Amino acid sequence: MSYEILNTKEVAKLLKADIRTIQRNADAGKYPKGVCGKHGRHWLFNRIKLMEYIFNECV
């Protein structure tokens, strides 16, 4: 299984959202387990799981 790991800045660009919104949502636990995780002070996101989550929420 391949993983493409994105940082908060890359996710914000991909979703066309403000970086602070992405960080606040991650801090608040709004993303399901497996979509993101914290490495030190930085949030990292699994692109495939993030896209699955977004498209399942929109449908």
PDB file of N, CA and C in Angstrom:
ATOM      1  N   MET A   1       0.853  -1.174   0.000  1.00  0.00           N
ATOM      2  CA  MET A   1       0.000   0.000   0.000  1.00  0.00           C
ATOM      3  C   MET A   1       0.899   1.237   0.000  1.00  0.00           C
ATOM      4  N   SER A   2       0.599   2.189  -0.834  1.00  0.00           N
ATOM      5  CA  SER A   2       1.415   3.396  -0.896  1.00  0.00           C
ATOM      6  C   SER A   2       0.734   4.529  -0.132  1.00  0.00           C
ATOM      7  N   TYR A   3       1.545   5.339   0.475  1.00  0.00           N
ATOM      8  CA  TYR A   3       1.056   6.488   1.224  1.00  0.00           C
ATOM      9  C   TYR A   3       1.684   7.737   0.656  1.00  0.00           C
ATOM     10  N   GLU A   4       0.879   8.748   0.518  1.00  0.00           N
ATOM     11  CA  GLU A   4       1.418  10.050   0.173  1.00  0.00           C
ATOM     12  C   GLU A   4       1.122  10.943   1.363  1.00  0.00           C
ATOM     13  N   ILE A   5       2.160  11.373   2.032  1.00  0.00           N
ATOM     14  CA  ILE A   5       2.023  12.160   3.238  1.00  0.00           C
ATOM     15  C   ILE A   5       2.126  13.643   2.874  1.00  0.00           C
ATOM     16  N   LEU A   6       1.165  14.408   3.361  1.00  0.00           N
ATOM     17  CA  LEU A   6       1.127  15.847   3.105  1.00  0.00           C
ATOM     18  C   LEU A   6       1.235  16.598   4.424  1.00  0.00           C
ATOM     19  N   ASN A   7       1.857  17.768   4.375  1.00  0.00           N
ATOM     20  CA  ASN A   7       1.865  18.607   5.563  1.00  0.00           C
ATOM     21  C   ASN A   7       0.659  19.547   5.514  1.00  0.00           C
ATOM     22  N   THR A   8       0.499  20.337   6.543  1.00  0.00           N
ATOM     23  CA  THR A   8      -0.679  21.209   6.645  1.00  0.00           C
ATOM     24  C   THR A   8      -0.754  22.213   5.498  1.00  0.00           C
ATOM     25  N   LYS A   9       0.382  22.753   5.111  1.00  0.00           N
ATOM     26  CA  LYS A   9       0.410  23.734   4.019  1.00  0.00           C
ATOM     27  C   LYS A   9      -0.058  23.103   2.704  1.00  0.00           C
ATOM     28  N   GLU A  10       0.389  21.873   2.438  1.00  0.00           N
ATOM     29  CA  GLU A  10       0.004  21.176   1.208  1.00  0.00           C
ATOM     30  C   GLU A  10      -1.486  20.839   1.217  1.00  0.00           C
ATOM     31  N   VAL A  11      -2.012  20.449   2.375  1.00  0.00           N
ATOM     32  CA  VAL A  11      -3.445  20.147   2.488  1.00  0.00           C
ATOM     33  C   VAL A  11      -4.261  21.412   2.259  1.00  0.00           C
ATOM     34  N   ALA A  12      -3.837  22.515   2.839  1.00  0.00           N
ATOM     35  CA  ALA A  12      -4.546  23.782   2.661  1.00  0.00           C
ATOM     36  C   ALA A  12      -4.584  24.179   1.180  1.00  0.00           C
ATOM     37  N   LYS A  13      -3.488  23.995   0.495  1.00  0.00           N
ATOM     38  CA  LYS A  13      -3.440  24.306  -0.941  1.00  0.00           C
ATOM     39  C   LYS A  13      -4.341  23.360  -1.728  1.00  0.00           C
ATOM     40  N   LEU A  14      -4.300  22.071  -1.409  1.00  0.00           N
ATOM     41  CA  LEU A  14      -5.112  21.072  -2.094  1.00  0.00           C
ATOM     42  C   LEU A  14      -6.608  21.351  -1.918  1.00  0.00           C
ATOM     43  N   LEU A  15      -7.007  21.721  -0.701  1.00  0.00           N
ATOM     44  CA  LEU A  15      -8.429  21.944  -0.395  1.00  0.00           C
ATOM     45  C   LEU A  15      -8.865  23.389  -0.597  1.00  0.00           C
ATOM     46  N   LYS A  16      -7.895  24.243  -0.941  1.00  0.00           N
ATOM     47  CA  LYS A  16      -8.184  25.673  -1.109  1.00  0.00           C
ATOM     48  C   LYS A  16      -8.834  26.230   0.159  1.00  0.00           C
ATOM     49  N   ALA A  17      -8.180  25.938   1.275  1.00  0.00           N
ATOM     50  CA  ALA A  17      -8.653  26.387   2.581  1.00  0.00           C
ATOM     51  C   ALA A  17      -7.499  27.081   3.295  1.00  0.00           C
ATOM     52  N   ASP A  18      -7.831  27.846   4.309  1.00  0.00           N
ATOM     53  CA  ASP A  18      -6.826  28.531   5.094  1.00  0.00           C
ATOM     54  C   ASP A  18      -6.060  27.511   5.947  1.00  0.00           C
ATOM     55  N   ILE A  19      -4.767  27.677   6.049  1.00  0.00           N
ATOM     56  CA  ILE A  19      -3.943  26.744   6.797  1.00  0.00           C
ATOM     57  C   ILE A  19      -4.373  26.666   8.269  1.00  0.00           C
ATOM     58  N   ARG A  20      -4.796  27.804   8.826  1.00  0.00           N
ATOM     59  CA  ARG A  20      -5.230  27.811  10.237  1.00  0.00           C
ATOM     60  C   ARG A  20      -6.505  27.002  10.429  1.00  0.00           C
ATOM     61  N   THR A  21      -7.374  26.976   9.422  1.00  0.00           N
ATOM     62  CA  THR A  21      -8.600  26.168   9.501  1.00  0.00           C
ATOM     63  C   THR A  21      -8.244  24.692   9.543  1.00  0.00           C
ATOM     64  N   ILE A  22      -7.305  24.278   8.704  1.00  0.00           N
ATOM     65  CA  ILE A  22      -6.865  22.883   8.686  1.00  0.00           C
ATOM     66  C   ILE A  22      -6.272  22.514  10.043  1.00  0.00           C
ATOM     67  N   GLN A  23      -5.429  23.381  10.592  1.00  0.00           N
ATOM     68  CA  GLN A  23      -4.801  23.114  11.885  1.00  0.00           C
ATOM     69  C   GLN A  23      -5.832  23.051  13.006  1.00  0.00           C
ATOM     70  N   ARG A  24      -6.783  23.987  13.015  1.00  0.00           N
ATOM     71  CA  ARG A  24      -7.824  23.986  14.063  1.00  0.00           C
ATOM     72  C   ARG A  24      -8.675  22.736  13.991  1.00  0.00           C
ATOM     73  N   ASN A  25      -9.049  22.323  12.779  1.00  0.00           N
ATOM     74  CA  ASN A  25      -9.850  21.106  12.628  1.00  0.00           C
ATOM     75  C   ASN A  25      -9.080  19.880  13.111  1.00  0.00           C
ATOM     76  N   ALA A  26      -7.806  19.823  12.807  1.00  0.00           N
ATOM     77  CA  ALA A  26      -6.990  18.691  13.257  1.00  0.00           C
ATOM     78  C   ALA A  26      -6.862  18.706  14.781  1.00  0.00           C
ATOM     79  N   ASP A  27      -6.609  19.881  15.357  1.00  0.00           N
ATOM     80  CA  ASP A  27      -6.504  19.994  16.815  1.00  0.00           C
ATOM     81  C   ASP A  27      -7.807  19.607  17.508  1.00  0.00           C
ATOM     82  N   ALA A  28      -8.934  19.920  16.871  1.00  0.00           N
ATOM     83  CA  ALA A  28     -10.251  19.632  17.457  1.00  0.00           C
ATOM     84  C   ALA A  28     -10.674  18.177  17.230  1.00  0.00           C
ATOM     85  N   GLY A  29      -9.894  17.425  16.459  1.00  0.00           N
ATOM     86  CA  GLY A  29     -10.216  16.020  16.216  1.00  0.00           C
ATOM     87  C   GLY A  29     -11.336  15.822  15.215  1.00  0.00           C
ATOM     88  N   LYS A  30     -11.487  16.740  14.282  1.00  0.00           N
ATOM     89  CA  LYS A  30     -12.579  16.656  13.299  1.00  0.00           C
ATOM     90  C   LYS A  30     -12.294  15.689  12.151  1.00  0.00           C
ATOM     91  N   TYR A  31     -11.057  15.240  12.031  1.00  0.00           N
ATOM     92  CA  TYR A  31     -10.714  14.270  11.001  1.00  0.00           C
ATOM     93  C   TYR A  31     -10.690  12.886  11.639  1.00  0.00           C
ATOM     94  N   PRO A  32     -11.197  11.861  10.950  1.00  0.00           N
ATOM     95  CA  PRO A  32     -11.199  10.518  11.533  1.00  0.00           C
ATOM     96  C   PRO A  32      -9.787   9.942  11.672  1.00  0.00           C
ATOM     97  N   LYS A  33      -9.694   8.931  12.503  1.00  0.00           N
ATOM     98  CA  LYS A  33      -8.416   8.261  12.742  1.00  0.00           C
ATOM     99  C   LYS A  33      -7.854   7.740  11.416  1.00  0.00           C
ATOM    100  N   GLY A  34      -6.585   7.926  11.221  1.00  0.00           N
ATOM    101  CA  GLY A  34      -5.927   7.465  10.008  1.00  0.00           C
ATOM    102  C   GLY A  34      -5.764   8.551   8.963  1.00  0.00           C
ATOM    103  N   VAL A  35      -6.514   9.650   9.101  1.00  0.00           N
ATOM    104  CA  VAL A  35      -6.403  10.741   8.128  1.00  0.00           C
ATOM    105  C   VAL A  35      -5.211  11.627   8.465  1.00  0.00           C
ATOM    106  N   CYS A  36      -5.030  11.920   9.745  1.00  0.00           N
ATOM    107  CA  CYS A  36      -3.916  12.779  10.127  1.00  0.00           C
ATOM    108  C   CYS A  36      -3.350  12.368  11.471  1.00  0.00           C
ATOM    109  N   GLY A  37      -2.141  12.815  11.702  1.00  0.00           N
ATOM    110  CA  GLY A  37      -1.479  12.556  12.965  1.00  0.00           C
ATOM    111  C   GLY A  37      -0.438  13.628  13.200  1.00  0.00           C
ATOM    112  N   LYS A  38      -0.083  13.780  14.439  1.00  0.00           N
ATOM    113  CA  LYS A  38       0.863  14.817  14.801  1.00  0.00           C
ATOM    114  C   LYS A  38       2.259  14.220  14.943  1.00  0.00           C
ATOM    115  N   HIS A  39       3.218  14.886  14.356  1.00  0.00           N
ATOM    116  CA  HIS A  39       4.624  14.509  14.471  1.00  0.00           C
ATOM    117  C   HIS A  39       5.334  15.714  15.071  1.00  0.00           C
ATOM    118  N   GLY A  40       5.589  15.664  16.364  1.00  0.00           N
ATOM    119  CA  GLY A  40       6.136  16.837  17.045  1.00  0.00           C
ATOM    120  C   GLY A  40       5.075  17.921  17.088  1.00  0.00           C
ATOM    121  N   ARG A  41       5.374  19.068  16.524  1.00  0.00           N
ATOM    122  CA  ARG A  41       4.408  20.177  16.470  1.00  0.00           C
ATOM    123  C   ARG A  41       3.665  20.239  15.140  1.00  0.00           C
ATOM    124  N   HIS A  42       3.961  19.331  14.236  1.00  0.00           N
ATOM    125  CA  HIS A  42       3.420  19.394  12.878  1.00  0.00           C
ATOM    126  C   HIS A  42       2.372  18.318  12.632  1.00  0.00           C
ATOM    127  N   TRP A  43       1.304  18.701  11.940  1.00  0.00           N
ATOM    128  CA  TRP A  43       0.288  17.745  11.518  1.00  0.00           C
ATOM    129  C   TRP A  43       0.682  17.182  10.160  1.00  0.00           C
ATOM    130  N   LEU A  44       0.552  15.868  10.003  1.00  0.00           N
ATOM    131  CA  LEU A  44       0.801  15.201   8.732  1.00  0.00           C
ATOM    132  C   LEU A  44      -0.468  14.463   8.332  1.00  0.00           C
ATOM    133  N   PHE A  45      -0.765  14.461   7.040  1.00  0.00           N
ATOM    134  CA  PHE A  45      -2.007  13.905   6.528  1.00  0.00           C
ATOM    135  C   PHE A  45      -1.734  12.837   5.486  1.00  0.00           C
ATOM    136  N   ASN A  46      -2.518  11.773   5.516  1.00  0.00           N
ATOM    137  CA  ASN A  46      -2.492  10.734   4.498  1.00  0.00           C
ATOM    138  C   ASN A  46      -3.429  11.207   3.385  1.00  0.00           C
ATOM    139  N   ARG A  47      -2.877  11.521   2.219  1.00  0.00           N
ATOM    140  CA  ARG A  47      -3.669  12.099   1.129  1.00  0.00           C
ATOM    141  C   ARG A  47      -4.818  11.195   0.710  1.00  0.00           C
ATOM    142  N   ILE A  48      -4.574   9.904   0.582  1.00  0.00           N
ATOM    143  CA  ILE A  48      -5.614   8.981   0.118  1.00  0.00           C
ATOM    144  C   ILE A  48      -6.773   8.936   1.105  1.00  0.00           C
ATOM    145  N   LYS A  49      -6.459   8.795   2.396  1.00  0.00           N
ATOM    146  CA  LYS A  49      -7.520   8.738   3.408  1.00  0.00           C
ATOM    147  C   LYS A  49      -8.237  10.074   3.542  1.00  0.00           C
ATOM    148  N   LEU A  50      -7.512  11.170   3.374  1.00  0.00           N
ATOM    149  CA  LEU A  50      -8.126  12.494   3.430  1.00  0.00           C
ATOM    150  C   LEU A  50      -9.137  12.656   2.300  1.00  0.00           C
ATOM    151  N   MET A  51      -8.754  12.261   1.089  1.00  0.00           N
ATOM    152  CA  MET A  51      -9.660  12.395  -0.050  1.00  0.00           C
ATOM    153  C   MET A  51     -10.877  11.478   0.112  1.00  0.00           C
ATOM    154  N   GLU A  52     -10.667  10.257   0.620  1.00  0.00           N
ATOM    155  CA  GLU A  52     -11.798   9.359   0.881  1.00  0.00           C
ATOM    156  C   GLU A  52     -12.756   9.997   1.884  1.00  0.00           C
ATOM    157  N   TYR A  53     -12.227  10.577   2.945  1.00  0.00           N
ATOM    158  CA  TYR A  53     -13.051  11.225   3.957  1.00  0.00           C
ATOM    159  C   TYR A  53     -13.835  12.387   3.362  1.00  0.00           C
ATOM    160  N   ILE A  54     -13.170  13.222   2.595  1.00  0.00           N
ATOM    161  CA  ILE A  54     -13.838  14.395   2.016  1.00  0.00           C
ATOM    162  C   ILE A  54     -14.938  13.969   1.046  1.00  0.00           C
ATOM    163  N   PHE A  55     -14.649  13.032   0.166  1.00  0.00           N
ATOM    164  CA  PHE A  55     -15.650  12.637  -0.821  1.00  0.00           C
ATOM    165  C   PHE A  55     -16.800  11.857  -0.195  1.00  0.00           C
ATOM    166  N   ASN A  56     -16.542  11.099   0.872  1.00  0.00           N
ATOM    167  CA  ASN A  56     -17.629  10.405   1.573  1.00  0.00           C
ATOM    168  C   ASN A  56     -18.515  11.385   2.330  1.00  0.00           C
ATOM    169  N   GLU A  57     -17.941  12.463   2.838  1.00  0.00           N
ATOM    170  CA  GLU A  57     -18.712  13.487   3.555  1.00  0.00           C
ATOM    171  C   GLU A  57     -19.571  14.298   2.589  1.00  0.00           C
ATOM    172  N   CYS A  58     -19.111  14.489   1.372  1.00  0.00           N
ATOM    173  CA  CYS A  58     -19.829  15.323   0.398  1.00  0.00           C
ATOM    174  C   CYS A  58     -20.967  14.576  -0.283  1.00  0.00           C
ATOM    175  N   VAL A  59     -20.898  13.275  -0.315  1.00  0.00           N
ATOM    176  CA  VAL A  59     -21.894  12.486  -1.047  1.00  0.00           C
ATOM    177  C   VAL A  59     -23.114  12.245  -0.202  1.00  0.00           C
TER     178      VAL A  59
END
